[in-house]
N, C-alpha and C. Protein backbone atom coordinates (compact mmCIF):
# COMPACT_ATOMS: atom_id res chain seq x y z
N UNK A 1 99.95 116.26 81.25
CA UNK A 1 99.05 115.56 80.30
C UNK A 1 97.85 115.20 81.02
N UNK A 2 96.66 115.76 80.54
CA UNK A 2 95.43 115.38 81.25
C UNK A 2 94.72 114.32 80.34
N UNK A 3 93.82 113.53 81.16
CA UNK A 3 93.10 112.50 80.42
C UNK A 3 92.14 113.13 79.51
N UNK A 4 91.70 112.17 78.41
CA UNK A 4 90.78 112.71 77.39
C UNK A 4 89.44 112.89 77.99
N UNK A 5 89.05 112.13 79.04
CA UNK A 5 87.77 112.24 79.73
C UNK A 5 87.97 112.15 81.19
N UNK A 6 87.05 112.63 81.98
CA UNK A 6 87.28 112.62 83.51
C UNK A 6 87.33 111.07 83.94
N UNK A 7 88.23 110.83 84.94
CA UNK A 7 88.23 109.47 85.38
C UNK A 7 87.04 109.20 86.30
N UNK A 8 86.56 107.92 86.19
CA UNK A 8 85.43 107.46 87.11
C UNK A 8 85.84 107.55 88.48
N UNK A 9 84.93 107.90 89.46
CA UNK A 9 85.11 108.07 90.71
C UNK A 9 85.67 106.90 91.44
N UNK A 10 85.08 105.73 91.20
CA UNK A 10 85.55 104.56 91.98
C UNK A 10 85.44 103.33 91.03
N UNK A 11 85.94 102.21 91.67
CA UNK A 11 85.70 100.93 90.91
C UNK A 11 84.41 100.23 91.02
N UNK A 12 83.53 100.75 92.10
CA UNK A 12 82.41 100.15 92.43
C UNK A 12 81.23 101.23 92.44
N UNK A 13 79.96 100.80 92.31
CA UNK A 13 78.85 101.77 92.25
C UNK A 13 78.19 101.91 93.56
N UNK A 14 77.77 103.11 93.91
CA UNK A 14 76.98 103.39 95.09
C UNK A 14 77.59 102.93 96.46
N UNK A 15 78.91 103.15 96.51
CA UNK A 15 79.55 102.78 97.85
C UNK A 15 80.69 103.74 98.05
N UNK A 16 80.82 104.09 99.37
CA UNK A 16 82.14 104.95 99.61
C UNK A 16 83.36 104.07 99.48
N UNK A 17 84.15 104.42 98.48
CA UNK A 17 85.35 103.70 98.31
C UNK A 17 86.53 104.55 98.52
N UNK A 18 87.52 104.06 99.23
CA UNK A 18 88.80 104.87 99.52
C UNK A 18 89.78 104.36 98.36
N UNK A 19 90.24 105.35 97.71
CA UNK A 19 91.45 105.09 96.78
C UNK A 19 92.70 105.19 97.59
N UNK A 20 93.70 104.32 97.35
CA UNK A 20 94.99 104.32 97.99
C UNK A 20 96.15 104.30 97.09
N UNK A 21 97.16 105.07 97.36
CA UNK A 21 98.46 105.02 96.68
C UNK A 21 99.49 105.48 97.49
N UNK A 22 100.80 105.27 97.07
CA UNK A 22 101.95 105.70 97.75
C UNK A 22 102.79 106.53 96.96
N UNK A 23 103.76 107.09 97.58
CA UNK A 23 104.85 107.87 96.93
C UNK A 23 106.13 107.62 97.59
N UNK A 24 107.13 107.50 96.85
CA UNK A 24 108.57 107.28 97.44
C UNK A 24 109.04 105.93 97.56
N UNK A 25 108.36 105.07 96.90
CA UNK A 25 108.78 103.63 96.99
C UNK A 25 110.26 103.42 96.47
N UNK A 26 110.58 104.02 95.31
CA UNK A 26 111.84 103.85 94.78
C UNK A 26 112.97 104.67 95.22
N UNK A 27 112.73 105.42 96.33
CA UNK A 27 113.81 106.50 96.88
C UNK A 27 114.84 105.78 97.56
N UNK A 28 115.94 106.47 97.71
CA UNK A 28 117.02 105.99 98.55
C UNK A 28 117.01 106.56 99.91
N UNK A 29 116.25 107.63 100.07
CA UNK A 29 116.20 108.24 101.41
C UNK A 29 114.63 108.69 101.69
N UNK A 30 114.38 108.93 103.01
CA UNK A 30 113.08 109.41 103.41
C UNK A 30 112.07 108.26 103.62
N UNK A 31 110.95 108.62 104.09
CA UNK A 31 109.95 107.66 104.34
C UNK A 31 109.04 107.42 103.06
N UNK A 32 108.25 106.35 103.14
CA UNK A 32 107.25 106.21 102.04
C UNK A 32 106.01 106.80 102.56
N UNK A 33 105.37 107.58 101.74
CA UNK A 33 104.01 108.28 102.19
C UNK A 33 102.96 107.60 101.26
N UNK A 34 101.88 107.35 102.13
CA UNK A 34 100.56 106.86 101.42
C UNK A 34 99.43 107.72 101.77
N UNK A 35 98.47 107.68 100.92
CA UNK A 35 97.28 108.52 101.05
C UNK A 35 96.13 107.59 100.71
N UNK A 36 94.95 107.91 101.48
CA UNK A 36 93.65 107.31 101.30
C UNK A 36 92.63 108.44 101.00
N UNK A 37 91.92 108.37 99.96
CA UNK A 37 90.90 109.39 99.61
C UNK A 37 89.54 108.79 99.24
N UNK A 38 88.52 109.38 99.89
CA UNK A 38 87.14 109.03 99.49
C UNK A 38 86.56 110.25 98.82
N UNK A 39 86.20 110.12 97.59
CA UNK A 39 85.58 111.31 96.89
C UNK A 39 84.01 111.11 96.86
N UNK A 40 83.32 112.15 96.75
CA UNK A 40 81.86 112.03 96.63
C UNK A 40 81.48 111.26 95.39
N UNK A 41 80.30 110.57 95.55
CA UNK A 41 79.86 109.80 94.39
C UNK A 41 79.70 110.61 93.20
N UNK A 42 80.13 110.16 92.06
CA UNK A 42 80.12 110.86 90.76
C UNK A 42 80.90 112.04 90.69
N UNK A 43 81.89 112.25 91.61
CA UNK A 43 82.82 113.45 91.56
C UNK A 43 83.60 113.43 90.27
N UNK A 44 83.75 114.64 89.66
CA UNK A 44 84.66 114.59 88.53
C UNK A 44 85.48 115.87 88.51
N UNK A 45 86.71 115.66 88.12
CA UNK A 45 87.64 116.80 87.95
C UNK A 45 88.60 116.40 86.81
N UNK A 46 88.42 117.11 85.61
CA UNK A 46 89.12 116.64 84.45
C UNK A 46 90.72 116.66 84.57
N UNK A 47 91.26 117.35 85.63
CA UNK A 47 92.68 117.42 85.80
C UNK A 47 93.21 116.20 86.65
N UNK A 48 92.28 115.58 87.29
CA UNK A 48 92.80 114.41 88.11
C UNK A 48 93.41 113.31 87.19
N UNK A 49 94.70 112.91 87.49
CA UNK A 49 95.42 111.99 86.82
C UNK A 49 96.55 111.49 87.74
N UNK A 50 97.18 110.36 87.27
CA UNK A 50 98.39 109.82 87.90
C UNK A 50 99.29 111.04 88.07
N UNK A 51 99.76 111.17 89.39
CA UNK A 51 100.60 112.26 89.76
C UNK A 51 101.84 112.44 88.96
N UNK A 52 102.27 111.23 88.45
CA UNK A 52 103.63 111.24 87.64
C UNK A 52 103.40 111.84 86.25
N UNK A 53 102.05 111.99 85.86
CA UNK A 53 101.78 112.60 84.53
C UNK A 53 101.45 114.08 84.64
N UNK A 54 101.42 114.58 85.92
CA UNK A 54 101.32 115.97 86.14
C UNK A 54 102.53 116.71 86.46
N UNK A 55 102.46 118.01 86.23
CA UNK A 55 103.62 118.83 86.67
C UNK A 55 103.56 119.20 88.09
N UNK A 56 104.62 119.61 88.68
CA UNK A 56 104.72 119.89 90.06
C UNK A 56 103.56 121.03 90.44
N UNK A 57 103.47 121.92 89.50
CA UNK A 57 102.47 123.13 89.66
C UNK A 57 101.12 122.56 89.67
N UNK A 58 100.74 121.64 88.72
CA UNK A 58 99.41 120.99 88.65
C UNK A 58 99.08 120.17 89.86
N UNK A 59 100.12 119.48 90.41
CA UNK A 59 99.94 118.66 91.68
C UNK A 59 99.62 119.62 92.81
N UNK A 60 100.43 120.72 93.00
CA UNK A 60 100.29 121.53 94.08
C UNK A 60 98.98 122.39 94.03
N UNK A 61 98.51 122.54 92.77
CA UNK A 61 97.15 123.27 92.61
C UNK A 61 96.11 122.29 92.93
N UNK A 62 96.16 120.98 92.63
CA UNK A 62 95.07 120.06 92.84
C UNK A 62 95.07 119.68 94.37
N UNK A 63 96.14 119.71 95.13
CA UNK A 63 96.17 119.25 96.42
C UNK A 63 95.04 119.92 97.26
N UNK A 64 94.91 121.26 97.32
CA UNK A 64 93.89 121.79 98.21
C UNK A 64 92.60 121.57 97.69
N UNK A 65 92.32 121.29 96.47
CA UNK A 65 91.08 121.00 95.84
C UNK A 65 90.59 119.68 96.26
N UNK A 66 91.51 118.73 96.23
CA UNK A 66 91.27 117.34 96.77
C UNK A 66 90.89 117.40 98.18
N UNK A 67 91.62 118.05 98.94
CA UNK A 67 91.47 118.04 100.44
C UNK A 67 90.22 118.78 100.85
N UNK A 68 89.85 119.74 99.89
CA UNK A 68 88.46 120.40 100.22
C UNK A 68 87.31 119.59 99.79
N UNK A 69 87.39 118.95 98.60
CA UNK A 69 86.20 118.32 98.09
C UNK A 69 85.99 116.85 98.55
N UNK A 70 87.01 116.19 99.08
CA UNK A 70 86.94 114.80 99.47
C UNK A 70 85.98 114.64 100.57
N UNK A 71 85.27 113.53 100.55
CA UNK A 71 84.47 113.19 101.80
C UNK A 71 85.32 112.93 102.99
N UNK A 72 86.48 112.27 102.69
CA UNK A 72 87.57 112.14 103.75
C UNK A 72 88.88 111.82 103.03
N UNK A 73 89.92 112.31 103.72
CA UNK A 73 91.21 111.98 103.15
C UNK A 73 92.19 111.89 104.38
N UNK A 74 93.33 111.20 104.09
CA UNK A 74 94.43 111.02 105.18
C UNK A 74 95.66 110.75 104.42
N UNK A 75 96.80 111.15 105.08
CA UNK A 75 98.16 110.71 104.58
C UNK A 75 98.87 110.10 105.77
N UNK A 76 99.68 109.10 105.55
CA UNK A 76 100.37 108.43 106.69
C UNK A 76 101.79 108.04 106.10
N UNK A 77 102.65 107.52 106.96
CA UNK A 77 104.09 107.30 106.62
C UNK A 77 104.48 105.96 107.16
N UNK A 78 105.52 105.49 106.51
CA UNK A 78 106.40 104.37 107.09
C UNK A 78 107.79 104.95 106.96
N UNK A 79 108.59 104.99 108.03
CA UNK A 79 109.86 105.49 108.11
C UNK A 79 110.92 104.77 107.34
N UNK A 80 112.04 105.41 107.15
CA UNK A 80 113.15 104.58 106.42
C UNK A 80 113.63 103.44 107.36
N UNK A 81 113.55 103.62 108.61
CA UNK A 81 113.98 102.46 109.57
C UNK A 81 113.00 101.35 109.37
N UNK A 82 111.72 101.66 109.25
CA UNK A 82 110.68 100.58 109.04
C UNK A 82 110.82 99.89 107.66
N UNK A 83 111.22 100.69 106.70
CA UNK A 83 111.42 100.13 105.33
C UNK A 83 112.56 99.17 105.35
N UNK A 84 113.69 99.58 106.18
CA UNK A 84 114.90 98.67 106.26
C UNK A 84 114.47 97.34 107.02
N UNK A 85 113.58 97.55 107.96
CA UNK A 85 113.21 96.42 108.81
C UNK A 85 112.25 95.40 108.12
N UNK A 86 111.18 95.90 107.47
CA UNK A 86 110.21 95.11 106.83
C UNK A 86 110.13 94.94 105.34
N UNK A 87 110.98 95.68 104.66
CA UNK A 87 111.15 95.87 103.20
C UNK A 87 110.06 96.88 102.71
N UNK A 88 110.39 97.39 101.55
CA UNK A 88 109.56 98.54 101.02
C UNK A 88 108.20 98.17 100.67
N UNK A 89 107.91 96.92 100.19
CA UNK A 89 106.62 96.54 99.95
C UNK A 89 105.72 96.53 101.12
N UNK A 90 106.20 95.83 102.20
CA UNK A 90 105.46 95.79 103.40
C UNK A 90 105.23 97.16 104.10
N UNK A 91 106.38 97.94 103.94
CA UNK A 91 106.23 99.37 104.48
C UNK A 91 105.19 100.11 103.75
N UNK A 92 105.13 100.02 102.38
CA UNK A 92 104.13 100.69 101.58
C UNK A 92 102.78 100.27 102.03
N UNK A 93 102.48 99.01 102.28
CA UNK A 93 101.20 98.54 102.59
C UNK A 93 101.03 99.08 104.00
N UNK A 94 101.93 99.01 104.94
CA UNK A 94 101.75 99.53 106.33
C UNK A 94 101.31 100.97 106.24
N UNK A 95 101.98 101.78 105.47
CA UNK A 95 101.62 103.26 105.41
C UNK A 95 100.15 103.38 104.87
N UNK A 96 99.78 102.56 103.82
CA UNK A 96 98.28 102.65 103.42
C UNK A 96 97.32 102.26 104.42
N UNK A 97 97.72 101.21 105.19
CA UNK A 97 96.84 100.82 106.33
C UNK A 97 96.70 101.90 107.38
N UNK A 98 97.87 102.63 107.71
CA UNK A 98 97.82 103.83 108.55
C UNK A 98 96.92 104.93 108.06
N UNK A 99 97.05 105.14 106.65
CA UNK A 99 96.23 106.17 106.13
C UNK A 99 94.78 105.84 106.26
N UNK A 100 94.42 104.62 105.97
CA UNK A 100 93.02 104.13 106.15
C UNK A 100 92.51 104.28 107.55
N UNK A 101 93.42 103.97 108.55
CA UNK A 101 93.10 104.17 109.95
C UNK A 101 92.83 105.54 110.28
N UNK A 102 93.37 106.50 109.67
CA UNK A 102 93.27 107.90 109.86
C UNK A 102 92.11 108.62 109.32
N UNK A 103 91.39 107.85 108.38
CA UNK A 103 90.17 108.47 107.77
C UNK A 103 89.12 108.75 108.76
N UNK A 104 88.42 109.84 108.64
CA UNK A 104 87.30 110.08 109.41
C UNK A 104 85.98 109.37 109.18
N UNK A 105 85.95 108.72 107.96
CA UNK A 105 84.81 107.99 107.45
C UNK A 105 85.36 106.63 107.12
N UNK A 106 84.65 105.58 107.56
CA UNK A 106 85.12 104.21 107.26
C UNK A 106 84.51 103.88 105.80
N UNK A 107 85.45 103.44 104.89
CA UNK A 107 84.93 103.10 103.50
C UNK A 107 84.28 101.74 103.49
N UNK A 108 83.44 101.60 102.52
CA UNK A 108 82.85 100.33 102.29
C UNK A 108 83.63 99.40 101.34
N UNK A 109 84.64 100.05 100.68
CA UNK A 109 85.46 99.31 99.71
C UNK A 109 86.86 100.06 99.66
N UNK A 110 87.86 99.42 99.21
CA UNK A 110 89.13 99.99 99.03
C UNK A 110 89.72 99.63 97.59
N UNK A 111 90.25 100.62 96.90
CA UNK A 111 90.94 100.37 95.66
C UNK A 111 92.32 100.92 95.72
N UNK A 112 93.15 99.90 95.40
CA UNK A 112 94.67 100.21 95.66
C UNK A 112 95.35 100.24 94.32
N UNK A 113 96.26 101.20 94.18
CA UNK A 113 97.07 101.22 92.97
C UNK A 113 98.05 100.10 93.04
N UNK A 114 98.28 99.39 91.95
CA UNK A 114 99.29 98.27 91.88
C UNK A 114 98.75 96.93 91.89
N UNK A 115 99.53 95.97 92.23
CA UNK A 115 98.93 94.57 92.30
C UNK A 115 99.24 93.82 93.59
N UNK A 116 99.61 94.57 94.63
CA UNK A 116 99.89 93.88 96.00
C UNK A 116 99.24 94.61 97.12
N UNK A 117 98.53 94.06 97.94
CA UNK A 117 98.04 94.69 99.09
C UNK A 117 97.67 93.59 100.12
N UNK A 118 97.49 93.89 101.44
CA UNK A 118 97.16 92.99 102.43
C UNK A 118 95.69 93.42 102.90
N UNK A 119 94.86 92.46 103.24
CA UNK A 119 93.55 92.77 103.58
C UNK A 119 93.63 93.85 104.84
N UNK A 120 92.63 94.71 104.79
CA UNK A 120 92.52 95.72 105.80
C UNK A 120 91.09 95.49 106.42
N UNK A 121 91.26 95.15 107.76
CA UNK A 121 90.08 94.84 108.59
C UNK A 121 89.25 93.72 107.86
N UNK A 122 87.95 94.02 107.65
CA UNK A 122 87.05 93.09 106.88
C UNK A 122 86.57 93.79 105.73
N UNK A 123 87.19 94.80 105.26
CA UNK A 123 86.72 95.59 104.14
C UNK A 123 87.32 95.07 102.80
N UNK A 124 86.42 94.77 101.80
CA UNK A 124 86.77 94.19 100.61
C UNK A 124 87.74 95.39 99.78
N UNK A 125 88.67 94.73 99.02
CA UNK A 125 89.57 95.62 98.29
C UNK A 125 89.77 95.09 96.84
N UNK A 126 90.22 95.93 95.96
CA UNK A 126 90.68 95.51 94.72
C UNK A 126 91.96 96.20 94.40
N UNK A 127 92.90 95.52 93.74
CA UNK A 127 94.23 96.17 93.26
C UNK A 127 94.00 96.40 91.85
N UNK A 128 94.48 97.54 91.44
CA UNK A 128 94.33 97.99 89.99
C UNK A 128 95.77 98.43 89.44
N UNK A 129 96.24 97.70 88.46
CA UNK A 129 97.54 98.11 87.98
C UNK A 129 97.37 99.41 87.21
N UNK A 130 98.20 100.32 87.44
CA UNK A 130 98.15 101.74 86.95
C UNK A 130 96.78 102.33 87.25
N UNK A 131 96.30 102.06 88.39
CA UNK A 131 94.97 102.62 88.85
C UNK A 131 94.94 104.09 88.99
N UNK A 132 96.20 104.68 89.25
CA UNK A 132 96.19 105.98 89.42
C UNK A 132 95.88 106.81 88.08
N UNK A 133 95.92 106.07 86.93
CA UNK A 133 95.59 106.75 85.75
C UNK A 133 94.19 106.28 85.25
N UNK A 134 93.45 105.48 86.04
CA UNK A 134 92.09 104.97 85.72
C UNK A 134 91.07 105.37 86.62
N UNK A 135 91.25 105.58 87.90
CA UNK A 135 90.16 106.04 88.84
C UNK A 135 90.54 107.29 89.56
N UNK A 136 89.50 108.07 89.63
CA UNK A 136 89.76 109.42 90.35
C UNK A 136 90.24 109.31 91.76
N UNK A 137 89.66 108.42 92.50
CA UNK A 137 90.04 108.41 93.85
C UNK A 137 91.48 107.93 94.10
N UNK A 138 91.91 106.97 93.25
CA UNK A 138 93.33 106.59 93.38
C UNK A 138 94.29 107.71 92.85
N UNK A 139 93.83 108.39 91.77
CA UNK A 139 94.53 109.48 91.34
C UNK A 139 94.70 110.61 92.42
N UNK A 140 93.69 110.80 93.11
CA UNK A 140 93.67 111.78 94.12
C UNK A 140 94.67 111.40 95.29
N UNK A 141 94.64 110.22 95.59
CA UNK A 141 95.52 109.62 96.62
C UNK A 141 97.02 109.78 96.14
N UNK A 142 97.24 109.49 94.84
CA UNK A 142 98.57 109.58 94.39
C UNK A 142 99.09 111.05 94.45
N UNK A 143 98.26 112.02 94.17
CA UNK A 143 98.61 113.42 94.23
C UNK A 143 98.93 113.84 95.70
N UNK A 144 97.99 113.42 96.64
CA UNK A 144 98.20 113.81 98.06
C UNK A 144 99.48 113.09 98.52
N UNK A 145 99.72 111.82 98.24
CA UNK A 145 100.95 111.15 98.73
C UNK A 145 102.17 111.88 98.13
N UNK A 146 102.16 112.17 96.92
CA UNK A 146 103.33 112.82 96.27
C UNK A 146 103.61 114.28 96.79
N UNK A 147 102.58 114.99 96.97
CA UNK A 147 102.77 116.41 97.36
C UNK A 147 103.25 116.42 98.93
N UNK A 148 102.57 115.66 99.62
CA UNK A 148 102.97 115.56 101.11
C UNK A 148 104.35 115.09 101.32
N UNK A 149 104.74 114.01 100.51
CA UNK A 149 106.09 113.51 100.71
C UNK A 149 107.21 114.54 100.08
N UNK A 150 106.91 115.18 99.13
CA UNK A 150 107.69 116.22 98.55
C UNK A 150 107.95 117.31 99.49
N UNK A 151 106.87 117.78 100.24
CA UNK A 151 106.99 118.69 101.31
C UNK A 151 107.94 118.21 102.33
N UNK A 152 107.80 116.95 102.78
CA UNK A 152 108.60 116.40 103.85
C UNK A 152 110.11 116.41 103.42
N UNK A 153 110.45 116.00 102.19
CA UNK A 153 111.80 116.00 101.60
C UNK A 153 112.49 117.34 101.50
N UNK A 154 111.52 118.35 101.20
CA UNK A 154 112.02 119.74 101.16
C UNK A 154 112.56 120.20 102.50
N UNK A 155 111.80 119.88 103.60
CA UNK A 155 112.35 120.15 104.88
C UNK A 155 113.62 119.32 105.34
N UNK A 156 113.60 118.06 104.85
CA UNK A 156 114.69 117.26 105.12
C UNK A 156 115.96 117.75 104.42
N UNK A 157 115.80 118.42 103.28
CA UNK A 157 116.88 118.88 102.43
C UNK A 157 117.47 120.04 103.17
N UNK A 158 116.73 120.84 103.94
CA UNK A 158 117.44 122.00 104.65
C UNK A 158 118.22 121.47 105.93
N UNK A 159 117.73 120.22 106.35
CA UNK A 159 118.46 119.68 107.58
C UNK A 159 119.71 119.09 107.10
N UNK A 160 119.72 118.41 105.88
CA UNK A 160 120.87 117.72 105.36
C UNK A 160 121.10 118.17 103.88
N UNK A 161 121.71 119.47 103.79
CA UNK A 161 121.98 119.89 102.52
C UNK A 161 123.18 119.13 101.82
N UNK A 162 123.18 119.21 100.47
CA UNK A 162 124.24 118.48 99.72
C UNK A 162 123.84 117.34 98.98
N UNK A 163 122.61 116.79 99.23
CA UNK A 163 122.17 115.64 98.53
C UNK A 163 121.20 115.94 97.38
N UNK A 164 120.83 117.22 97.31
CA UNK A 164 119.95 117.57 96.18
C UNK A 164 118.55 117.14 96.40
N UNK A 165 118.10 116.88 97.66
CA UNK A 165 116.77 116.44 97.91
C UNK A 165 115.66 117.44 97.50
N UNK A 166 116.06 118.66 97.47
CA UNK A 166 115.17 119.67 97.02
C UNK A 166 114.80 119.55 95.55
N UNK A 167 115.61 118.80 94.74
CA UNK A 167 115.36 118.50 93.42
C UNK A 167 115.07 117.06 93.14
N UNK A 168 115.83 116.11 93.77
CA UNK A 168 115.56 114.76 93.42
C UNK A 168 114.63 113.97 94.40
N UNK A 169 114.21 114.70 95.44
CA UNK A 169 113.25 114.16 96.46
C UNK A 169 113.70 112.76 97.01
N UNK A 170 114.78 112.56 96.96
CA UNK A 170 115.44 111.32 97.54
C UNK A 170 115.56 110.10 96.54
N UNK A 171 115.15 110.38 95.18
CA UNK A 171 115.21 109.34 94.21
C UNK A 171 116.68 109.13 93.83
N UNK A 172 117.04 107.91 93.29
CA UNK A 172 118.39 107.56 92.94
C UNK A 172 118.97 108.18 91.70
N UNK A 173 119.13 109.53 91.70
CA UNK A 173 119.90 110.23 90.54
C UNK A 173 121.34 110.09 90.75
N UNK A 174 121.99 110.38 89.63
CA UNK A 174 123.39 110.22 89.70
C UNK A 174 124.12 111.19 90.65
N UNK A 175 123.49 112.40 90.71
CA UNK A 175 124.02 113.30 91.70
C UNK A 175 123.77 112.90 93.19
N UNK A 176 122.65 112.35 93.34
CA UNK A 176 122.29 111.82 94.79
C UNK A 176 123.33 110.68 95.13
N UNK A 177 123.62 109.80 94.27
CA UNK A 177 124.53 108.77 94.56
C UNK A 177 125.97 109.27 94.67
N UNK A 178 126.22 110.31 94.00
CA UNK A 178 127.65 110.87 94.12
C UNK A 178 127.78 111.57 95.47
N UNK A 179 126.68 112.20 95.91
CA UNK A 179 126.72 112.87 97.27
C UNK A 179 126.76 111.90 98.39
N UNK A 180 126.19 110.75 98.21
CA UNK A 180 126.31 109.67 99.30
C UNK A 180 127.74 109.22 99.25
N UNK A 181 128.39 108.99 98.09
CA UNK A 181 129.82 108.58 98.09
C UNK A 181 130.74 109.59 98.78
N UNK A 182 130.41 110.83 98.52
CA UNK A 182 131.35 111.90 99.07
C UNK A 182 130.97 112.23 100.52
N UNK A 183 129.67 112.28 100.88
CA UNK A 183 129.27 112.77 102.24
C UNK A 183 128.97 111.64 103.21
N UNK A 184 128.69 110.49 102.67
CA UNK A 184 128.19 109.34 103.48
C UNK A 184 126.70 109.39 103.51
N UNK A 185 126.12 108.51 104.38
CA UNK A 185 124.67 108.54 104.52
C UNK A 185 124.16 109.40 105.68
N UNK A 186 122.91 109.66 105.71
CA UNK A 186 122.27 110.39 106.79
C UNK A 186 121.33 109.47 107.52
N UNK A 187 120.76 109.89 108.60
CA UNK A 187 119.74 109.08 109.29
C UNK A 187 118.56 108.81 108.58
N UNK A 188 118.34 109.42 107.41
CA UNK A 188 117.13 109.31 106.56
C UNK A 188 117.35 108.31 105.47
N UNK A 189 118.56 107.80 105.15
CA UNK A 189 118.79 106.94 104.13
C UNK A 189 118.34 105.52 104.43
N UNK A 190 117.95 104.79 103.44
CA UNK A 190 117.51 103.43 103.47
C UNK A 190 118.77 102.59 103.31
N UNK A 191 119.17 101.98 104.37
CA UNK A 191 120.50 101.36 104.33
C UNK A 191 120.38 99.96 103.62
N UNK A 192 119.29 99.40 103.56
CA UNK A 192 119.07 98.11 102.80
C UNK A 192 119.06 98.36 101.23
N UNK A 193 118.96 99.57 100.84
CA UNK A 193 118.97 99.81 99.36
C UNK A 193 120.40 99.96 98.85
N UNK A 194 120.51 99.79 97.53
CA UNK A 194 121.74 99.95 96.93
C UNK A 194 122.09 101.36 96.74
N UNK A 195 122.90 102.00 97.49
CA UNK A 195 123.03 103.42 97.69
C UNK A 195 124.10 104.06 96.63
N UNK A 196 124.92 103.18 96.24
CA UNK A 196 126.09 103.74 95.32
C UNK A 196 126.15 103.02 94.03
C-alpha cells in the first residue's frame, strides 16, 4: 500500500535530519537492528512508506535506491545478549545511537519513530509516533532496518534450521514457539522473553 502523496523529507526545514527506526523489537530471537538515514533536502519517492505496509519485494527493491540516494545511511545492531541485559527498549535506543555513530555525515537534527529516545550527543531530536508512515527519512530507515535484519535472520536460519526463521524472521509465531518447545533455545534466543 503506497501513500496517497509523497512523504515529506523531514520534520524540520533546511537542515540535515537523520531519520531513525528499528526492526525486530518484538522478536523472540536475533538482534534488534536500527538504521539512520539522511535524505537530500526535498527528496521524494512515492513508494517510501512504513516498511510494514510494503511487501518484501517492495522493500528489497527500495533498499538499493535508498542506499544510493541518501546523503548518508548506516545500520547497527544490539545483540540478543544485550537485549537480555538492558531490555529491549534500551537495546533499541543503543542500536539507534550506534547507527548514528556510523553515519559519514553528522546530522543537525534527529527524527525517531515512536515515543521514546535518549538524547544523542548535543543534537536535538523529536520522536514521532508512527513516524515511519509520516516522514520519508524515517520510512527509509524502517526499510533499511527491516531488510538488513531479515538478511541476518536468513543466515541464522541456515545455522539453526527448524525454527522457521526464514519465514517468521524470529517473530513469535505459533510454529516458532512450538519449535522452541521441541528443540530448545539457540544462542540467538532472547532468554528474558516469554518463549513458550
